[in-house]
């Protein structure tokens, strides 16, 4: 696929990349992954603060 100036357009929503996902599917997966990672970080930080409050390790 080419744009008006002859360059190649890198993102193609119909092409399946080596991961087995299209560009749109990969972006959706990435958004879910980053949201899950953020939730995991918040929960683990809370667990550390909670544990330190009741059983300080210093």
PDB file of N, CA and C in Angstrom:
ATOM      1  N   UNK A   1       0.852  -1.166   0.000  1.00  0.00           N
ATOM      2  CA  UNK A   1       0.000   0.000   0.000  1.00  0.00           C
ATOM      3  C   UNK A   1       0.902   1.235   0.000  1.00  0.00           C
ATOM      4  N   UNK A   2       0.577   2.198  -0.839  1.00  0.00           N
ATOM      5  CA  UNK A   2       1.385   3.406  -0.971  1.00  0.00           C
ATOM      6  C   UNK A   2       0.526   4.636  -0.723  1.00  0.00           C
ATOM      7  N   UNK A   3       1.169   5.681  -0.213  1.00  0.00           N
ATOM      8  CA  UNK A   3       0.445   6.936  -0.058  1.00  0.00           C
ATOM      9  C   UNK A   3       0.566   7.760  -1.338  1.00  0.00           C
ATOM     10  N   UNK A   4       0.088   8.989  -1.326  1.00  0.00           N
ATOM     11  CA  UNK A   4       0.076   9.818  -2.535  1.00  0.00           C
ATOM     12  C   UNK A   4       1.470  10.152  -3.054  1.00  0.00           C
ATOM     13  N   UNK A   5       2.460  10.166  -2.190  1.00  0.00           N
ATOM     14  CA  UNK A   5       3.808  10.559  -2.583  1.00  0.00           C
ATOM     15  C   UNK A   5       4.711   9.369  -2.876  1.00  0.00           C
ATOM     16  N   UNK A   6       4.165   8.174  -2.918  1.00  0.00           N
ATOM     17  CA  UNK A   6       4.939   6.998  -3.283  1.00  0.00           C
ATOM     18  C   UNK A   6       5.581   6.278  -2.114  1.00  0.00           C
ATOM     19  N   UNK A   7       5.414   6.778  -0.901  1.00  0.00           N
ATOM     20  CA  UNK A   7       5.974   6.109   0.272  1.00  0.00           C
ATOM     21  C   UNK A   7       5.110   4.934   0.686  1.00  0.00           C
ATOM     22  N   UNK A   8       5.682   4.039   1.442  1.00  0.00           N
ATOM     23  CA  UNK A   8       4.952   2.863   1.897  1.00  0.00           C
ATOM     24  C   UNK A   8       4.279   3.183   3.229  1.00  0.00           C
ATOM     25  N   UNK A   9       3.002   2.862   3.339  1.00  0.00           N
ATOM     26  CA  UNK A   9       2.277   3.038   4.595  1.00  0.00           C
ATOM     27  C   UNK A   9       2.553   1.806   5.449  1.00  0.00           C
ATOM     28  N   UNK A  10       3.065   2.024   6.658  1.00  0.00           N
ATOM     29  CA  UNK A  10       3.478   0.903   7.496  1.00  0.00           C
ATOM     30  C   UNK A  10       2.301   0.197   8.166  1.00  0.00           C
ATOM     31  N   UNK A  11       1.327   0.937   8.659  1.00  0.00           N
ATOM     32  CA  UNK A  11       0.214   0.317   9.372  1.00  0.00           C
ATOM     33  C   UNK A  11      -0.887  -0.054   8.386  1.00  0.00           C
ATOM     34  N   UNK A  12      -1.192  -1.328   8.313  1.00  0.00           N
ATOM     35  CA  UNK A  12      -2.244  -1.817   7.430  1.00  0.00           C
ATOM     36  C   UNK A  12      -3.185  -2.675   8.270  1.00  0.00           C
ATOM     37  N   UNK A  13      -4.425  -2.241   8.421  1.00  0.00           N
ATOM     38  CA  UNK A  13      -5.369  -2.944   9.290  1.00  0.00           C
ATOM     39  C   UNK A  13      -5.826  -4.288   8.745  1.00  0.00           C
ATOM     40  N   UNK A  14      -5.505  -4.595   7.503  1.00  0.00           N
ATOM     41  CA  UNK A  14      -5.896  -5.892   6.958  1.00  0.00           C
ATOM     42  C   UNK A  14      -4.741  -6.885   6.974  1.00  0.00           C
ATOM     43  N   UNK A  15      -3.522  -6.412   7.125  1.00  0.00           N
ATOM     44  CA  UNK A  15      -2.352  -7.296   7.130  1.00  0.00           C
ATOM     45  C   UNK A  15      -2.226  -7.978   8.488  1.00  0.00           C
ATOM     46  N   UNK A  16      -1.916  -9.259   8.472  1.00  0.00           N
ATOM     47  CA  UNK A  16      -1.667  -9.995   9.702  1.00  0.00           C
ATOM     48  C   UNK A  16      -0.158 -10.077   9.882  1.00  0.00           C
ATOM     49  N   UNK A  17       0.330  -9.566  10.989  1.00  0.00           N
ATOM     50  CA  UNK A  17       1.763  -9.522  11.266  1.00  0.00           C
ATOM     51  C   UNK A  17       2.230 -10.837  11.879  1.00  0.00           C
ATOM     52  N   UNK A  18       3.544 -11.043  12.051  1.00  0.00           N
ATOM     53  CA  UNK A  18       4.052 -12.312  12.590  1.00  0.00           C
ATOM     54  C   UNK A  18       3.463 -12.700  13.951  1.00  0.00           C
ATOM     55  N   UNK A  19       2.981 -11.728  14.705  1.00  0.00           N
ATOM     56  CA  UNK A  19       2.360 -12.045  15.994  1.00  0.00           C
ATOM     57  C   UNK A  19       0.999 -12.708  15.817  1.00  0.00           C
ATOM     58  N   UNK A  20       0.447 -12.630  14.604  1.00  0.00           N
ATOM     59  CA  UNK A  20      -0.874 -13.178  14.347  1.00  0.00           C
ATOM     60  C   UNK A  20      -1.983 -12.163  14.548  1.00  0.00           C
ATOM     61  N   UNK A  21      -1.607 -10.915  14.831  1.00  0.00           N
ATOM     62  CA  UNK A  21      -2.585  -9.862  15.075  1.00  0.00           C
ATOM     63  C   UNK A  21      -2.515  -8.797  13.992  1.00  0.00           C
ATOM     64  N   UNK A  22      -3.646  -8.172  13.739  1.00  0.00           N
ATOM     65  CA  UNK A  22      -3.634  -6.997  12.872  1.00  0.00           C
ATOM     66  C   UNK A  22      -3.195  -5.803  13.715  1.00  0.00           C
ATOM     67  N   UNK A  23      -2.961  -4.673  13.067  1.00  0.00           N
ATOM     68  CA  UNK A  23      -2.536  -3.468  13.785  1.00  0.00           C
ATOM     69  C   UNK A  23      -3.574  -3.060  14.834  1.00  0.00           C
ATOM     70  N   UNK A  24      -4.836  -3.092  14.465  1.00  0.00           N
ATOM     71  CA  UNK A  24      -5.911  -2.706  15.392  1.00  0.00           C
ATOM     72  C   UNK A  24      -5.979  -3.668  16.578  1.00  0.00           C
ATOM     73  N   UNK A  25      -5.869  -4.967  16.321  1.00  0.00           N
ATOM     74  CA  UNK A  25      -5.897  -5.956  17.401  1.00  0.00           C
ATOM     75  C   UNK A  25      -4.695  -5.792  18.323  1.00  0.00           C
ATOM     76  N   UNK A  26      -3.537  -5.499  17.754  1.00  0.00           N
ATOM     77  CA  UNK A  26      -2.337  -5.301  18.565  1.00  0.00           C
ATOM     78  C   UNK A  26      -2.480  -4.077  19.461  1.00  0.00           C
ATOM     79  N   UNK A  27      -3.066  -3.008  18.939  1.00  0.00           N
ATOM     80  CA  UNK A  27      -3.275  -1.813  19.754  1.00  0.00           C
ATOM     81  C   UNK A  27      -4.268  -2.090  20.878  1.00  0.00           C
ATOM     82  N   UNK A  28      -5.312  -2.858  20.588  1.00  0.00           N
ATOM     83  CA  UNK A  28      -6.284  -3.209  21.623  1.00  0.00           C
ATOM     84  C   UNK A  28      -5.632  -4.069  22.703  1.00  0.00           C
ATOM     85  N   UNK A  29      -4.841  -5.052  22.293  1.00  0.00           N
ATOM     86  CA  UNK A  29      -4.136  -5.893  23.257  1.00  0.00           C
ATOM     87  C   UNK A  29      -3.200  -5.052  24.113  1.00  0.00           C
ATOM     88  N   UNK A  30      -2.491  -4.123  23.496  1.00  0.00           N
ATOM     89  CA  UNK A  30      -1.558  -3.274  24.221  1.00  0.00           C
ATOM     90  C   UNK A  30      -2.282  -2.423  25.263  1.00  0.00           C
ATOM     91  N   UNK A  31      -3.445  -1.885  24.913  1.00  0.00           N
ATOM     92  CA  UNK A  31      -4.183  -1.060  25.872  1.00  0.00           C
ATOM     93  C   UNK A  31      -4.645  -1.896  27.067  1.00  0.00           C
ATOM     94  N   UNK A  32      -5.137  -3.113  26.818  1.00  0.00           N
ATOM     95  CA  UNK A  32      -5.539  -3.989  27.924  1.00  0.00           C
ATOM     96  C   UNK A  32      -4.334  -4.384  28.774  1.00  0.00           C
ATOM     97  N   UNK A  33      -3.211  -4.669  28.135  1.00  0.00           N
ATOM     98  CA  UNK A  33      -2.004  -5.069  28.858  1.00  0.00           C
ATOM     99  C   UNK A  33      -1.516  -3.947  29.764  1.00  0.00           C
ATOM    100  N   UNK A  34      -1.464  -2.717  29.238  1.00  0.00           N
ATOM    101  CA  UNK A  34      -0.975  -1.602  30.048  1.00  0.00           C
ATOM    102  C   UNK A  34      -1.932  -1.287  31.193  1.00  0.00           C
ATOM    103  N   UNK A  35      -3.236  -1.426  30.975  1.00  0.00           N
ATOM    104  CA  UNK A  35      -4.192  -1.210  32.065  1.00  0.00           C
ATOM    105  C   UNK A  35      -4.022  -2.276  33.149  1.00  0.00           C
ATOM    106  N   UNK A  36      -3.820  -3.508  32.742  1.00  0.00           N
ATOM    107  CA  UNK A  36      -3.600  -4.587  33.703  1.00  0.00           C
ATOM    108  C   UNK A  36      -2.313  -4.402  34.479  1.00  0.00           C
ATOM    109  N   UNK A  37      -1.273  -3.959  33.793  1.00  0.00           N
ATOM    110  CA  UNK A  37       0.000  -3.707  34.461  1.00  0.00           C
ATOM    111  C   UNK A  37      -0.146  -2.584  35.479  1.00  0.00           C
ATOM    112  N   UNK A  38      -0.856  -1.534  35.114  1.00  0.00           N
ATOM    113  CA  UNK A  38      -1.089  -0.425  36.045  1.00  0.00           C
ATOM    114  C   UNK A  38      -1.850  -0.881  37.278  1.00  0.00           C
ATOM    115  N   UNK A  39      -2.874  -1.705  37.087  1.00  0.00           N
ATOM    116  CA  UNK A  39      -3.646  -2.232  38.216  1.00  0.00           C
ATOM    117  C   UNK A  39      -2.768  -3.107  39.104  1.00  0.00           C
ATOM    118  N   UNK A  40      -1.925  -3.922  38.501  1.00  0.00           N
ATOM    119  CA  UNK A  40      -1.032  -4.792  39.274  1.00  0.00           C
ATOM    120  C   UNK A  40      -0.051  -3.966  40.097  1.00  0.00           C
ATOM    121  N   UNK A  41       0.481  -2.889  39.530  1.00  0.00           N
ATOM    122  CA  UNK A  41       1.421  -2.027  40.250  1.00  0.00           C
ATOM    123  C   UNK A  41       0.730  -1.359  41.433  1.00  0.00           C
ATOM    124  N   UNK A  42      -0.487  -0.856  41.220  1.00  0.00           N
ATOM    125  CA  UNK A  42      -1.230  -0.211  42.310  1.00  0.00           C
ATOM    126  C   UNK A  42      -1.524  -1.217  43.420  1.00  0.00           C
ATOM    127  N   UNK A  43      -1.981  -2.405  43.063  1.00  0.00           N
ATOM    128  CA  UNK A  43      -2.273  -3.426  44.074  1.00  0.00           C
ATOM    129  C   UNK A  43      -1.023  -3.856  44.838  1.00  0.00           C
ATOM    130  N   UNK A  44       0.081  -4.023  44.135  1.00  0.00           N
ATOM    131  CA  UNK A  44       1.301  -4.444  44.828  1.00  0.00           C
ATOM    132  C   UNK A  44       1.832  -3.328  45.728  1.00  0.00           C
ATOM    133  N   UNK A  45       1.714  -2.074  45.298  1.00  0.00           N
ATOM    134  CA  UNK A  45       2.135  -0.954  46.151  1.00  0.00           C
ATOM    135  C   UNK A  45       1.266  -0.900  47.406  1.00  0.00           C
ATOM    136  N   UNK A  46      -0.048  -1.081  47.243  1.00  0.00           N
ATOM    137  CA  UNK A  46      -0.950  -1.108  48.393  1.00  0.00           C
ATOM    138  C   UNK A  46      -0.585  -2.248  49.340  1.00  0.00           C
ATOM    139  N   UNK A  47      -0.294  -3.413  48.803  1.00  0.00           N
ATOM    140  CA  UNK A  47       0.066  -4.561  49.640  1.00  0.00           C
ATOM    141  C   UNK A  47       1.341  -4.288  50.426  1.00  0.00           C
ATOM    142  N   UNK A  48       2.314  -3.633  49.803  1.00  0.00           N
ATOM    143  CA  UNK A  48       3.550  -3.314  50.510  1.00  0.00           C
ATOM    144  C   UNK A  48       3.310  -2.295  51.620  1.00  0.00           C
ATOM    145  N   UNK A  49       2.535  -1.265  51.340  1.00  0.00           N
ATOM    146  CA  UNK A  49       2.234  -0.257  52.364  1.00  0.00           C
ATOM    147  C   UNK A  49       1.443  -0.892  53.502  1.00  0.00           C
ATOM    148  N   UNK A  50       0.455  -1.700  53.176  1.00  0.00           N
ATOM    149  CA  UNK A  50      -0.354  -2.380  54.186  1.00  0.00           C
ATOM    150  C   UNK A  50       0.514  -3.284  55.057  1.00  0.00           C
ATOM    151  N   UNK A  51       1.376  -4.066  54.438  1.00  0.00           N
ATOM    152  CA  UNK A  51       2.252  -4.967  55.183  1.00  0.00           C
ATOM    153  C   UNK A  51       3.223  -4.193  56.057  1.00  0.00           C
ATOM    154  N   UNK A  52       3.800  -3.121  55.531  1.00  0.00           N
ATOM    155  CA  UNK A  52       4.749  -2.323  56.314  1.00  0.00           C
ATOM    156  C   UNK A  52       4.042  -1.665  57.496  1.00  0.00           C
ATOM    157  N   UNK A  53       2.803  -1.264  57.321  1.00  0.00           N
ATOM    158  CA  UNK A  53       2.056  -0.618  58.404  1.00  0.00           C
ATOM    159  C   UNK A  53       1.862  -1.578  59.579  1.00  0.00           C
ATOM    160  N   UNK A  54       1.541  -2.826  59.303  1.00  0.00           N
ATOM    161  CA  UNK A  54       1.270  -3.789  60.365  1.00  0.00           C
ATOM    162  C   UNK A  54       2.479  -4.607  60.790  1.00  0.00           C
ATOM    163  N   UNK A  55       3.486  -4.697  59.943  1.00  0.00           N
ATOM    164  CA  UNK A  55       4.670  -5.489  60.271  1.00  0.00           C
ATOM    165  C   UNK A  55       5.897  -4.826  59.646  1.00  0.00           C
ATOM    166  N   UNK A  56       6.367  -3.716  60.263  1.00  0.00           N
ATOM    167  CA  UNK A  56       7.496  -2.988  59.658  1.00  0.00           C
ATOM    168  C   UNK A  56       8.749  -3.860  59.581  1.00  0.00           C
ATOM    169  N   UNK A  57       9.438  -3.754  58.487  1.00  0.00           N
ATOM    170  CA  UNK A  57      10.641  -4.562  58.306  1.00  0.00           C
ATOM    171  C   UNK A  57      11.913  -3.756  58.517  1.00  0.00           C
ATOM    172  N   UNK A  58      11.790  -2.508  59.000  1.00  0.00           N
ATOM    173  CA  UNK A  58      12.985  -1.712  59.335  1.00  0.00           C
ATOM    174  C   UNK A  58      13.155  -1.638  60.824  1.00  0.00           C
TER     175      UNK A  58
END
